């Protein structure tokens, strides 16, 4: 990324999203925290969406994500601890994180 001349803030944010998993760069800035919190969550939401008849986040409710979040066998590769820690870093409840992530995913669902 440095060879491509990308901003150090972007490089740090990209690296810090793996905090506690594969790197020791703790997310400090809001962008870093959001990326950390949503990386695993978007995987979980994607799995929830794949199970829905619509296959879309456009009609996905927070309650559906909460239900699947509690089922540790569903999308077992998505770390619930990372999602919880990310929400905590941001000072958000899980419900707030779920809602904001769903809304962001809706906004980019049909972007080519």
PDB file of N, CA and C in Angstrom:
ATOM      1  N   UNK A   1       0.824  -1.185   0.000  1.00  0.00           N
ATOM      2  CA  UNK A   1       0.000   0.000   0.000  1.00  0.00           C
ATOM      3  C   UNK A   1       0.872   1.254   0.000  1.00  0.00           C
ATOM      4  N   UNK A   2       1.974   1.175   0.737  1.00  0.00           N
ATOM      5  CA  UNK A   2       2.893   2.317   0.750  1.00  0.00           C
ATOM      6  C   UNK A   2       3.495   2.530  -0.634  1.00  0.00           C
ATOM      7  N   UNK A   3       3.844   1.433  -1.308  1.00  0.00           N
ATOM      8  CA  UNK A   3       4.412   1.539  -2.652  1.00  0.00           C
ATOM      9  C   UNK A   3       3.447   2.212  -3.615  1.00  0.00           C
ATOM     10  N   UNK A   4       2.166   2.072  -3.358  1.00  0.00           N
ATOM     11  CA  UNK A   4       1.142   2.696  -4.198  1.00  0.00           C
ATOM     12  C   UNK A   4       0.863   4.132  -3.775  1.00  0.00           C
ATOM     13  N   UNK A   5       1.507   4.583  -2.677  1.00  0.00           N
ATOM     14  CA  UNK A   5       1.357   5.962  -2.229  1.00  0.00           C
ATOM     15  C   UNK A   5       0.089   6.234  -1.441  1.00  0.00           C
ATOM     16  N   UNK A   6      -0.507   5.188  -0.877  1.00  0.00           N
ATOM     17  CA  UNK A   6      -1.728   5.394  -0.107  1.00  0.00           C
ATOM     18  C   UNK A   6      -1.432   6.077   1.227  1.00  0.00           C
ATOM     19  N   UNK A   7      -2.388   6.821   1.704  1.00  0.00           N
ATOM     20  CA  UNK A   7      -2.280   7.567   2.947  1.00  0.00           C
ATOM     21  C   UNK A   7      -2.034   6.605   4.119  1.00  0.00           C
ATOM     22  N   UNK A   8      -1.149   7.015   5.014  1.00  0.00           N
ATOM     23  CA  UNK A   8      -0.818   6.188   6.184  1.00  0.00           C
ATOM     24  C   UNK A   8      -2.038   5.879   7.046  1.00  0.00           C
ATOM     25  N   UNK A   9      -3.007   6.794   7.097  1.00  0.00           N
ATOM     26  CA  UNK A   9      -4.219   6.549   7.883  1.00  0.00           C
ATOM     27  C   UNK A   9      -5.004   5.371   7.320  1.00  0.00           C
ATOM     28  N   UNK A  10      -5.059   5.277   6.011  1.00  0.00           N
ATOM     29  CA  UNK A  10      -5.750   4.170   5.357  1.00  0.00           C
ATOM     30  C   UNK A  10      -4.998   2.859   5.587  1.00  0.00           C
ATOM     31  N   UNK A  11      -3.693   2.915   5.506  1.00  0.00           N
ATOM     32  CA  UNK A  11      -2.872   1.726   5.748  1.00  0.00           C
ATOM     33  C   UNK A  11      -3.067   1.238   7.180  1.00  0.00           C
ATOM     34  N   UNK A  12      -3.038   2.155   8.138  1.00  0.00           N
ATOM     35  CA  UNK A  12      -3.210   1.789   9.545  1.00  0.00           C
ATOM     36  C   UNK A  12      -4.610   1.215   9.794  1.00  0.00           C
ATOM     37  N   UNK A  13      -5.630   1.836   9.222  1.00  0.00           N
ATOM     38  CA  UNK A  13      -7.002   1.356   9.401  1.00  0.00           C
ATOM     39  C   UNK A  13      -7.158  -0.054   8.836  1.00  0.00           C
ATOM     40  N   UNK A  14      -6.576  -0.266   7.669  1.00  0.00           N
ATOM     41  CA  UNK A  14      -6.653  -1.584   7.046  1.00  0.00           C
ATOM     42  C   UNK A  14      -5.947  -2.623   7.906  1.00  0.00           C
ATOM     43  N   UNK A  15      -4.792  -2.278   8.425  1.00  0.00           N
ATOM     44  CA  UNK A  15      -4.049  -3.220   9.261  1.00  0.00           C
ATOM     45  C   UNK A  15      -4.742  -3.464  10.597  1.00  0.00           C
ATOM     46  N   UNK A  16      -5.289  -2.423  11.199  1.00  0.00           N
ATOM     47  CA  UNK A  16      -5.857  -2.571  12.545  1.00  0.00           C
ATOM     48  C   UNK A  16      -7.148  -3.366  12.574  1.00  0.00           C
ATOM     49  N   UNK A  17      -7.776  -3.600  11.422  1.00  0.00           N
ATOM     50  CA  UNK A  17      -9.021  -4.364  11.457  1.00  0.00           C
ATOM     51  C   UNK A  17      -8.779  -5.816  11.858  1.00  0.00           C
ATOM     52  N   UNK A  18      -7.535  -6.255  11.809  1.00  0.00           N
ATOM     53  CA  UNK A  18      -7.199  -7.608  12.243  1.00  0.00           C
ATOM     54  C   UNK A  18      -6.674  -7.671  13.667  1.00  0.00           C
ATOM     55  N   UNK A  19      -6.922  -6.625  14.450  1.00  0.00           N
ATOM     56  CA  UNK A  19      -6.419  -6.546  15.827  1.00  0.00           C
ATOM     57  C   UNK A  19      -6.858  -7.762  16.657  1.00  0.00           C
ATOM     58  N   UNK A  20      -5.891  -8.343  17.330  1.00  0.00           N
ATOM     59  CA  UNK A  20      -6.167  -9.480  18.198  1.00  0.00           C
ATOM     60  C   UNK A  20      -6.320 -10.788  17.452  1.00  0.00           C
ATOM     61  N   UNK A  21      -6.332 -10.725  16.136  1.00  0.00           N
ATOM     62  CA  UNK A  21      -6.471 -11.940  15.331  1.00  0.00           C
ATOM     63  C   UNK A  21      -5.137 -12.233  14.633  1.00  0.00           C
ATOM     64  N   UNK A  22      -4.650 -11.224  13.899  1.00  0.00           N
ATOM     65  CA  UNK A  22      -3.403 -11.437  13.169  1.00  0.00           C
ATOM     66  C   UNK A  22      -2.427 -10.268  13.282  1.00  0.00           C
ATOM     67  N   UNK A  23      -2.829  -9.196  13.952  1.00  0.00           N
ATOM     68  CA  UNK A  23      -1.946  -8.046  14.168  1.00  0.00           C
ATOM     69  C   UNK A  23      -2.148  -7.493  15.574  1.00  0.00           C
ATOM     70  N   UNK A  24      -1.192  -6.705  16.027  1.00  0.00           N
ATOM     71  CA  UNK A  24      -1.310  -6.088  17.354  1.00  0.00           C
ATOM     72  C   UNK A  24      -1.530  -4.577  17.271  1.00  0.00           C
ATOM     73  N   UNK A  25      -2.008  -4.111  16.128  1.00  0.00           N
ATOM     74  CA  UNK A  25      -2.286  -2.677  15.938  1.00  0.00           C
ATOM     75  C   UNK A  25      -3.713  -2.422  16.404  1.00  0.00           C
ATOM     76  N   UNK A  26      -3.845  -1.802  17.570  1.00  0.00           N
ATOM     77  CA  UNK A  26      -5.160  -1.568  18.157  1.00  0.00           C
ATOM     78  C   UNK A  26      -5.876  -0.422  17.439  1.00  0.00           C
ATOM     79  N   UNK A  27      -7.138  -0.629  17.058  1.00  0.00           N
ATOM     80  CA  UNK A  27      -7.901   0.463  16.461  1.00  0.00           C
ATOM     81  C   UNK A  27      -8.035   1.626  17.437  1.00  0.00           C
ATOM     82  N   UNK A  28      -7.676   2.818  16.982  1.00  0.00           N
ATOM     83  CA  UNK A  28      -7.752   4.007  17.830  1.00  0.00           C
ATOM     84  C   UNK A  28      -8.715   5.048  17.294  1.00  0.00           C
ATOM     85  N   UNK A  29      -8.664   5.281  16.001  1.00  0.00           N
ATOM     86  CA  UNK A  29      -9.520   6.291  15.385  1.00  0.00           C
ATOM     87  C   UNK A  29     -10.873   5.675  15.032  1.00  0.00           C
ATOM     88  N   UNK A  30     -11.891   6.509  14.892  1.00  0.00           N
ATOM     89  CA  UNK A  30     -13.239   5.994  14.647  1.00  0.00           C
ATOM     90  C   UNK A  30     -13.307   5.103  13.401  1.00  0.00           C
ATOM     91  N   UNK A  31     -12.669   5.515  12.313  1.00  0.00           N
ATOM     92  CA  UNK A  31     -12.691   4.697  11.100  1.00  0.00           C
ATOM     93  C   UNK A  31     -12.102   3.312  11.372  1.00  0.00           C
ATOM     94  N   UNK A  32     -11.036   3.259  12.135  1.00  0.00           N
ATOM     95  CA  UNK A  32     -10.404   1.981  12.466  1.00  0.00           C
ATOM     96  C   UNK A  32     -11.338   1.118  13.304  1.00  0.00           C
ATOM     97  N   UNK A  33     -12.007   1.724  14.250  1.00  0.00           N
ATOM     98  CA  UNK A  33     -12.930   0.988  15.112  1.00  0.00           C
ATOM     99  C   UNK A  33     -14.125   0.457  14.337  1.00  0.00           C
ATOM    100  N   UNK A  34     -14.649   1.281  13.436  1.00  0.00           N
ATOM    101  CA  UNK A  34     -15.787   0.846  12.611  1.00  0.00           C
ATOM    102  C   UNK A  34     -15.378  -0.327  11.726  1.00  0.00           C
ATOM    103  N   UNK A  35     -14.223  -0.230  11.105  1.00  0.00           N
ATOM    104  CA  UNK A  35     -13.744  -1.323  10.259  1.00  0.00           C
ATOM    105  C   UNK A  35     -13.542  -2.598  11.075  1.00  0.00           C
ATOM    106  N   UNK A  36     -12.949  -2.473  12.248  1.00  0.00           N
ATOM    107  CA  UNK A  36     -12.744  -3.622  13.129  1.00  0.00           C
ATOM    108  C   UNK A  36     -14.083  -4.248  13.510  1.00  0.00           C
ATOM    109  N   UNK A  37     -15.035  -3.412  13.917  1.00  0.00           N
ATOM    110  CA  UNK A  37     -16.327  -3.902  14.400  1.00  0.00           C
ATOM    111  C   UNK A  37     -17.164  -4.538  13.298  1.00  0.00           C
ATOM    112  N   UNK A  38     -17.054  -4.026  12.095  1.00  0.00           N
ATOM    113  CA  UNK A  38     -17.955  -4.487  11.040  1.00  0.00           C
ATOM    114  C   UNK A  38     -17.385  -5.604  10.170  1.00  0.00           C
ATOM    115  N   UNK A  39     -16.108  -5.860  10.228  1.00  0.00           N
ATOM    116  CA  UNK A  39     -15.517  -6.889   9.376  1.00  0.00           C
ATOM    117  C   UNK A  39     -16.188  -8.245   9.620  1.00  0.00           C
ATOM    118  N   UNK A  40     -16.198  -8.694  10.841  1.00  0.00           N
ATOM    119  CA  UNK A  40     -16.833  -9.975  11.169  1.00  0.00           C
ATOM    120  C   UNK A  40     -18.357  -9.888  11.032  1.00  0.00           C
ATOM    121  N   UNK A  41     -18.909  -8.737  11.397  1.00  0.00           N
ATOM    122  CA  UNK A  41     -20.362  -8.574  11.369  1.00  0.00           C
ATOM    123  C   UNK A  41     -20.908  -8.638   9.949  1.00  0.00           C
ATOM    124  N   UNK A  42     -20.215  -8.067   8.990  1.00  0.00           N
ATOM    125  CA  UNK A  42     -20.717  -8.136   7.612  1.00  0.00           C
ATOM    126  C   UNK A  42     -20.742  -9.583   7.110  1.00  0.00           C
ATOM    127  N   UNK A  43     -19.823 -10.388   7.585  1.00  0.00           N
ATOM    128  CA  UNK A  43     -19.855 -11.818   7.248  1.00  0.00           C
ATOM    129  C   UNK A  43     -21.089 -12.493   7.822  1.00  0.00           C
ATOM    130  N   UNK A  44     -21.393 -12.185   9.078  1.00  0.00           N
ATOM    131  CA  UNK A  44     -22.581 -12.748   9.725  1.00  0.00           C
ATOM    132  C   UNK A  44     -23.854 -12.278   9.010  1.00  0.00           C
ATOM    133  N   UNK A  45     -23.924 -10.982   8.716  1.00  0.00           N
ATOM    134  CA  UNK A  45     -25.102 -10.439   8.025  1.00  0.00           C
ATOM    135  C   UNK A  45     -25.222 -11.051   6.633  1.00  0.00           C
ATOM    136  N   UNK A  46     -24.119 -11.238   5.960  1.00  0.00           N
ATOM    137  CA  UNK A  46     -24.145 -11.891   4.645  1.00  0.00           C
ATOM    138  C   UNK A  46     -24.699 -13.301   4.725  1.00  0.00           C
ATOM    139  N   UNK A  47     -24.324 -14.031   5.775  1.00  0.00           N
ATOM    140  CA  UNK A  47     -24.839 -15.392   5.968  1.00  0.00           C
ATOM    141  C   UNK A  47     -26.332 -15.372   6.284  1.00  0.00           C
ATOM    142  N   UNK A  48     -26.757 -14.425   7.113  1.00  0.00           N
ATOM    143  CA  UNK A  48     -28.188 -14.295   7.430  1.00  0.00           C
ATOM    144  C   UNK A  48     -28.958 -13.984   6.150  1.00  0.00           C
ATOM    145  N   UNK A  49     -28.439 -13.069   5.365  1.00  0.00           N
ATOM    146  CA  UNK A  49     -29.089 -12.658   4.121  1.00  0.00           C
ATOM    147  C   UNK A  49     -29.203 -13.828   3.141  1.00  0.00           C
ATOM    148  N   UNK A  50     -28.167 -14.641   3.061  1.00  0.00           N
ATOM    149  CA  UNK A  50     -28.171 -15.781   2.142  1.00  0.00           C
ATOM    150  C   UNK A  50     -29.276 -16.787   2.467  1.00  0.00           C
ATOM    151  N   UNK A  51     -29.711 -16.812   3.723  1.00  0.00           N
ATOM    152  CA  UNK A  51     -30.751 -17.750   4.158  1.00  0.00           C
ATOM    153  C   UNK A  51     -32.162 -17.194   3.927  1.00  0.00           C
ATOM    154  N   UNK A  52     -32.271 -15.929   3.606  1.00  0.00           N
ATOM    155  CA  UNK A  52     -33.582 -15.287   3.446  1.00  0.00           C
ATOM    156  C   UNK A  52     -34.121 -15.505   2.035  1.00  0.00           C
ATOM    157  N   UNK A  53     -35.433 -15.590   1.897  1.00  0.00           N
ATOM    158  CA  UNK A  53     -36.015 -15.757   0.559  1.00  0.00           C
ATOM    159  C   UNK A  53     -35.605 -14.644  -0.409  1.00  0.00           C
ATOM    160  N   UNK A  54     -35.499 -13.412   0.083  1.00  0.00           N
ATOM    161  CA  UNK A  54     -35.155 -12.281  -0.787  1.00  0.00           C
ATOM    162  C   UNK A  54     -33.668 -12.227  -1.131  1.00  0.00           C
ATOM    163  N   UNK A  55     -32.840 -12.877  -0.340  1.00  0.00           N
ATOM    164  CA  UNK A  55     -31.373 -12.834  -0.505  1.00  0.00           C
ATOM    165  C   UNK A  55     -30.854 -11.399  -0.502  1.00  0.00           C
ATOM    166  N   UNK A  56     -31.518 -10.534   0.261  1.00  0.00           N
ATOM    167  CA  UNK A  56     -31.208  -9.108   0.244  1.00  0.00           C
ATOM    168  C   UNK A  56     -31.196  -8.542   1.661  1.00  0.00           C
ATOM    169  N   UNK A  57     -30.376  -7.508   1.864  1.00  0.00           N
ATOM    170  CA  UNK A  57     -30.406  -6.800   3.144  1.00  0.00           C
ATOM    171  C   UNK A  57     -31.520  -5.760   3.177  1.00  0.00           C
ATOM    172  N   UNK A  58     -32.158  -5.531   2.034  1.00  0.00           N
ATOM    173  CA  UNK A  58     -33.168  -4.470   1.954  1.00  0.00           C
ATOM    174  C   UNK A  58     -34.343  -4.703   2.892  1.00  0.00           C
ATOM    175  N   UNK A  59     -34.639  -5.945   3.218  1.00  0.00           N
ATOM    176  CA  UNK A  59     -35.750  -6.237   4.122  1.00  0.00           C
ATOM    177  C   UNK A  59     -35.282  -6.921   5.409  1.00  0.00           C
ATOM    178  N   UNK A  60     -33.988  -6.862   5.676  1.00  0.00           N
ATOM    179  CA  UNK A  60     -33.418  -7.499   6.862  1.00  0.00           C
ATOM    180  C   UNK A  60     -33.653  -6.639   8.097  1.00  0.00           C
ATOM    181  N   UNK A  61     -34.092  -7.270   9.156  1.00  0.00           N
ATOM    182  CA  UNK A  61     -34.344  -6.583  10.421  1.00  0.00           C
ATOM    183  C   UNK A  61     -33.238  -6.901  11.424  1.00  0.00           C
ATOM    184  N   UNK A  62     -33.004  -5.971  12.331  1.00  0.00           N
ATOM    185  CA  UNK A  62     -32.015  -6.160  13.395  1.00  0.00           C
ATOM    186  C   UNK A  62     -32.335  -7.420  14.193  1.00  0.00           C
ATOM    187  N   UNK A  63     -33.610  -7.672  14.447  1.00  0.00           N
ATOM    188  CA  UNK A  63     -34.012  -8.835  15.249  1.00  0.00           C
ATOM    189  C   UNK A  63     -33.555 -10.150  14.612  1.00  0.00           C
ATOM    190  N   UNK A  64     -33.529 -10.215  13.293  1.00  0.00           N
ATOM    191  CA  UNK A  64     -33.061 -11.425  12.614  1.00  0.00           C
ATOM    192  C   UNK A  64     -31.570 -11.642  12.840  1.00  0.00           C
ATOM    193  N   UNK A  65     -30.820 -10.550  12.797  1.00  0.00           N
ATOM    194  CA  UNK A  65     -29.372 -10.643  13.036  1.00  0.00           C
ATOM    195  C   UNK A  65     -29.116 -11.019  14.492  1.00  0.00           C
ATOM    196  N   UNK A  66     -29.853 -10.406  15.409  1.00  0.00           N
ATOM    197  CA  UNK A  66     -29.693 -10.729  16.834  1.00  0.00           C
ATOM    198  C   UNK A  66     -29.930 -12.212  17.093  1.00  0.00           C
ATOM    199  N   UNK A  67     -30.967 -12.747  16.484  1.00  0.00           N
ATOM    200  CA  UNK A  67     -31.307 -14.161  16.677  1.00  0.00           C
ATOM    201  C   UNK A  67     -30.165 -15.060  16.202  1.00  0.00           C
ATOM    202  N   UNK A  68     -29.635 -14.789  15.021  1.00  0.00           N
ATOM    203  CA  UNK A  68     -28.547 -15.606  14.478  1.00  0.00           C
ATOM    204  C   UNK A  68     -27.233 -15.352  15.216  1.00  0.00           C
ATOM    205  N   UNK A  69     -27.046 -14.143  15.723  1.00  0.00           N
ATOM    206  CA  UNK A  69     -25.855 -13.821  16.506  1.00  0.00           C
ATOM    207  C   UNK A  69     -25.788 -14.710  17.747  1.00  0.00           C
ATOM    208  N   UNK A  70     -26.933 -14.964  18.354  1.00  0.00           N
ATOM    209  CA  UNK A  70     -26.998 -15.785  19.572  1.00  0.00           C
ATOM    210  C   UNK A  70     -26.735 -17.263  19.292  1.00  0.00           C
ATOM    211  N   UNK A  71     -26.986 -17.699  18.077  1.00  0.00           N
ATOM    212  CA  UNK A  71     -26.774 -19.097  17.694  1.00  0.00           C
ATOM    213  C   UNK A  71     -25.314 -19.271  17.273  1.00  0.00           C
ATOM    214  N   UNK A  72     -24.495 -19.765  18.179  1.00  0.00           N
ATOM    215  CA  UNK A  72     -23.057 -19.873  17.931  1.00  0.00           C
ATOM    216  C   UNK A  72     -22.712 -20.850  16.802  1.00  0.00           C
ATOM    217  N   UNK A  73     -23.637 -21.724  16.467  1.00  0.00           N
ATOM    218  CA  UNK A  73     -23.400 -22.675  15.373  1.00  0.00           C
ATOM    219  C   UNK A  73     -23.615 -22.023  14.004  1.00  0.00           C
ATOM    220  N   UNK A  74     -24.424 -20.977  13.967  1.00  0.00           N
ATOM    221  CA  UNK A  74     -24.694 -20.290  12.702  1.00  0.00           C
ATOM    222  C   UNK A  74     -23.514 -19.381  12.365  1.00  0.00           C
ATOM    223  N   UNK A  75     -22.988 -19.515  11.155  1.00  0.00           N
ATOM    224  CA  UNK A  75     -21.818 -18.726  10.730  1.00  0.00           C
ATOM    225  C   UNK A  75     -20.760 -18.755  11.832  1.00  0.00           C
ATOM    226  N   UNK A  76     -20.424 -19.963  12.220  1.00  0.00           N
ATOM    227  CA  UNK A  76     -19.520 -20.172  13.354  1.00  0.00           C
ATOM    228  C   UNK A  76     -18.156 -19.516  13.167  1.00  0.00           C
ATOM    229  N   UNK A  77     -17.753 -19.271  11.941  1.00  0.00           N
ATOM    230  CA  UNK A  77     -16.468 -18.626  11.678  1.00  0.00           C
ATOM    231  C   UNK A  77     -16.449 -17.141  11.955  1.00  0.00           C
ATOM    232  N   UNK A  78     -17.620 -16.548  12.176  1.00  0.00           N
ATOM    233  CA  UNK A  78     -17.712 -15.115  12.480  1.00  0.00           C
ATOM    234  C   UNK A  78     -17.587 -14.933  13.993  1.00  0.00           C
ATOM    235  N   UNK A  79     -16.537 -14.300  14.419  1.00  0.00           N
ATOM    236  CA  UNK A  79     -16.258 -14.153  15.845  1.00  0.00           C
ATOM    237  C   UNK A  79     -17.215 -13.184  16.527  1.00  0.00           C
ATOM    238  N   UNK A  80     -18.035 -13.730  17.400  1.00  0.00           N
ATOM    239  CA  UNK A  80     -18.946 -12.887  18.183  1.00  0.00           C
ATOM    240  C   UNK A  80     -18.166 -12.003  19.147  1.00  0.00           C
ATOM    241  N   UNK A  81     -17.031 -12.487  19.636  1.00  0.00           N
ATOM    242  CA  UNK A  81     -16.212 -11.680  20.548  1.00  0.00           C
ATOM    243  C   UNK A  81     -15.661 -10.445  19.853  1.00  0.00           C
ATOM    244  N   UNK A  82     -15.209 -10.590  18.613  1.00  0.00           N
ATOM    245  CA  UNK A  82     -14.696  -9.445  17.869  1.00  0.00           C
ATOM    246  C   UNK A  82     -15.820  -8.435  17.650  1.00  0.00           C
ATOM    247  N   UNK A  83     -17.011  -8.924  17.311  1.00  0.00           N
ATOM    248  CA  UNK A  83     -18.153  -8.029  17.087  1.00  0.00           C
ATOM    249  C   UNK A  83     -18.498  -7.289  18.378  1.00  0.00           C
ATOM    250  N   UNK A  84     -18.557  -8.017  19.489  1.00  0.00           N
ATOM    251  CA  UNK A  84     -18.852  -7.380  20.789  1.00  0.00           C
ATOM    252  C   UNK A  84     -17.785  -6.354  21.148  1.00  0.00           C
ATOM    253  N   UNK A  85     -16.521  -6.732  20.980  1.00  0.00           N
ATOM    254  CA  UNK A  85     -15.421  -5.816  21.306  1.00  0.00           C
ATOM    255  C   UNK A  85     -15.467  -4.569  20.428  1.00  0.00           C
ATOM    256  N   UNK A  86     -15.809  -4.751  19.168  1.00  0.00           N
ATOM    257  CA  UNK A  86     -15.915  -3.605  18.267  1.00  0.00           C
ATOM    258  C   UNK A  86     -17.005  -2.646  18.693  1.00  0.00           C
ATOM    259  N   UNK A  87     -18.167  -3.187  19.058  1.00  0.00           N
ATOM    260  CA  UNK A  87     -19.261  -2.335  19.533  1.00  0.00           C
ATOM    261  C   UNK A  87     -18.828  -1.583  20.788  1.00  0.00           C
ATOM    262  N   UNK A  88     -18.154  -2.286  21.678  1.00  0.00           N
ATOM    263  CA  UNK A  88     -17.677  -1.669  22.919  1.00  0.00           C
ATOM    264  C   UNK A  88     -16.674  -0.563  22.638  1.00  0.00           C
ATOM    265  N   UNK A  89     -15.741  -0.805  21.707  1.00  0.00           N
ATOM    266  CA  UNK A  89     -14.753   0.224  21.343  1.00  0.00           C
ATOM    267  C   UNK A  89     -15.435   1.495  20.858  1.00  0.00           C
ATOM    268  N   UNK A  90     -16.520   1.310  20.112  1.00  0.00           N
ATOM    269  CA  UNK A  90     -17.252   2.450  19.554  1.00  0.00           C
ATOM    270  C   UNK A  90     -18.192   3.101  20.558  1.00  0.00           C
ATOM    271  N   UNK A  91     -18.456   2.417  21.672  1.00  0.00           N
ATOM    272  CA  UNK A  91     -19.409   2.932  22.646  1.00  0.00           C
ATOM    273  C   UNK A  91     -20.848   2.739  22.199  1.00  0.00           C
ATOM    274  N   UNK A  92     -21.076   1.737  21.344  1.00  0.00           N
ATOM    275  CA  UNK A  92     -22.396   1.434  20.817  1.00  0.00           C
ATOM    276  C   UNK A  92     -22.907   0.130  21.415  1.00  0.00           C
ATOM    277  N   UNK A  93     -24.221  -0.004  21.451  1.00  0.00           N
ATOM    278  CA  UNK A  93     -24.809  -1.299  21.804  1.00  0.00           C
ATOM    279  C   UNK A  93     -24.683  -2.204  20.581  1.00  0.00           C
ATOM    280  N   UNK A  94     -24.852  -3.493  20.798  1.00  0.00           N
ATOM    281  CA  UNK A  94     -24.850  -4.410  19.664  1.00  0.00           C
ATOM    282  C   UNK A  94     -25.955  -4.053  18.677  1.00  0.00           C
ATOM    283  N   UNK A  95     -27.115  -3.689  19.210  1.00  0.00           N
ATOM    284  CA  UNK A  95     -28.242  -3.339  18.343  1.00  0.00           C
ATOM    285  C   UNK A  95     -27.905  -2.136  17.456  1.00  0.00           C
ATOM    286  N   UNK A  96     -27.234  -1.143  18.030  1.00  0.00           N
ATOM    287  CA  UNK A  96     -26.823   0.024  17.240  1.00  0.00           C
ATOM    288  C   UNK A  96     -25.851  -0.382  16.139  1.00  0.00           C
ATOM    289  N   UNK A  97     -24.889  -1.220  16.497  1.00  0.00           N
ATOM    290  CA  UNK A  97     -23.911  -1.683  15.517  1.00  0.00           C
ATOM    291  C   UNK A  97     -24.604  -2.479  14.415  1.00  0.00           C
ATOM    292  N   UNK A  98     -25.515  -3.368  14.784  1.00  0.00           N
ATOM    293  CA  UNK A  98     -26.243  -4.153  13.794  1.00  0.00           C
ATOM    294  C   UNK A  98     -27.020  -3.230  12.855  1.00  0.00           C
ATOM    295  N   UNK A  99     -27.751  -2.282  13.435  1.00  0.00           N
ATOM    296  CA  UNK A  99     -28.585  -1.399  12.624  1.00  0.00           C
ATOM    297  C   UNK A  99     -27.752  -0.551  11.665  1.00  0.00           C
ATOM    298  N   UNK A 100     -26.684   0.049  12.173  1.00  0.00           N
ATOM    299  CA  UNK A 100     -25.849   0.910  11.332  1.00  0.00           C
ATOM    300  C   UNK A 100     -25.176   0.100  10.219  1.00  0.00           C
ATOM    301  N   UNK A 101     -24.788  -1.124  10.536  1.00  0.00           N
ATOM    302  CA  UNK A 101     -24.136  -1.968   9.534  1.00  0.00           C
ATOM    303  C   UNK A 101     -25.131  -2.409   8.468  1.00  0.00           C
ATOM    304  N   UNK A 102     -26.334  -2.782   8.883  1.00  0.00           N
ATOM    305  CA  UNK A 102     -27.376  -3.143   7.912  1.00  0.00           C
ATOM    306  C   UNK A 102     -27.662  -1.960   6.993  1.00  0.00           C
ATOM    307  N   UNK A 103     -27.812  -0.776   7.563  1.00  0.00           N
ATOM    308  CA  UNK A 103     -28.098   0.414   6.747  1.00  0.00           C
ATOM    309  C   UNK A 103     -26.972   0.695   5.757  1.00  0.00           C
ATOM    310  N   UNK A 104     -25.733   0.536   6.203  1.00  0.00           N
ATOM    311  CA  UNK A 104     -24.588   0.753   5.296  1.00  0.00           C
ATOM    312  C   UNK A 104     -24.571  -0.284   4.192  1.00  0.00           C
ATOM    313  N   UNK A 105     -24.881  -1.524   4.531  1.00  0.00           N
ATOM    314  CA  UNK A 105     -24.913  -2.570   3.523  1.00  0.00           C
ATOM    315  C   UNK A 105     -26.054  -2.353   2.534  1.00  0.00           C
ATOM    316  N   UNK A 106     -27.176  -1.848   3.018  1.00  0.00           N
ATOM    317  CA  UNK A 106     -28.290  -1.527   2.107  1.00  0.00           C
ATOM    318  C   UNK A 106     -27.875  -0.436   1.117  1.00  0.00           C
ATOM    319  N   UNK A 107     -27.170   0.561   1.628  1.00  0.00           N
ATOM    320  CA  UNK A 107     -26.771   1.692   0.786  1.00  0.00           C
ATOM    321  C   UNK A 107     -25.818   1.261  -0.339  1.00  0.00           C
ATOM    322  N   UNK A 108     -25.088   0.190  -0.121  1.00  0.00           N
ATOM    323  CA  UNK A 108     -24.135  -0.222  -1.135  1.00  0.00           C
ATOM    324  C   UNK A 108     -24.544  -1.516  -1.838  1.00  0.00           C
ATOM    325  N   UNK A 109     -25.734  -2.008  -1.552  1.00  0.00           N
ATOM    326  CA  UNK A 109     -26.161  -3.303  -2.121  1.00  0.00           C
ATOM    327  C   UNK A 109     -26.194  -3.310  -3.648  1.00  0.00           C
ATOM    328  N   UNK A 110     -26.639  -2.251  -4.250  1.00  0.00           N
ATOM    329  CA  UNK A 110     -26.791  -2.228  -5.697  1.00  0.00           C
ATOM    330  C   UNK A 110     -25.776  -1.334  -6.401  1.00  0.00           C
ATOM    331  N   UNK A 111     -24.686  -1.062  -5.731  1.00  0.00           N
ATOM    332  CA  UNK A 111     -23.629  -0.232  -6.310  1.00  0.00           C
ATOM    333  C   UNK A 111     -22.734  -1.135  -7.148  1.00  0.00           C
ATOM    334  N   UNK A 112     -22.523  -0.742  -8.389  1.00  0.00           N
ATOM    335  CA  UNK A 112     -21.652  -1.544  -9.267  1.00  0.00           C
ATOM    336  C   UNK A 112     -20.258  -0.999  -9.296  1.00  0.00           C
TER     337      UNK A 112
END
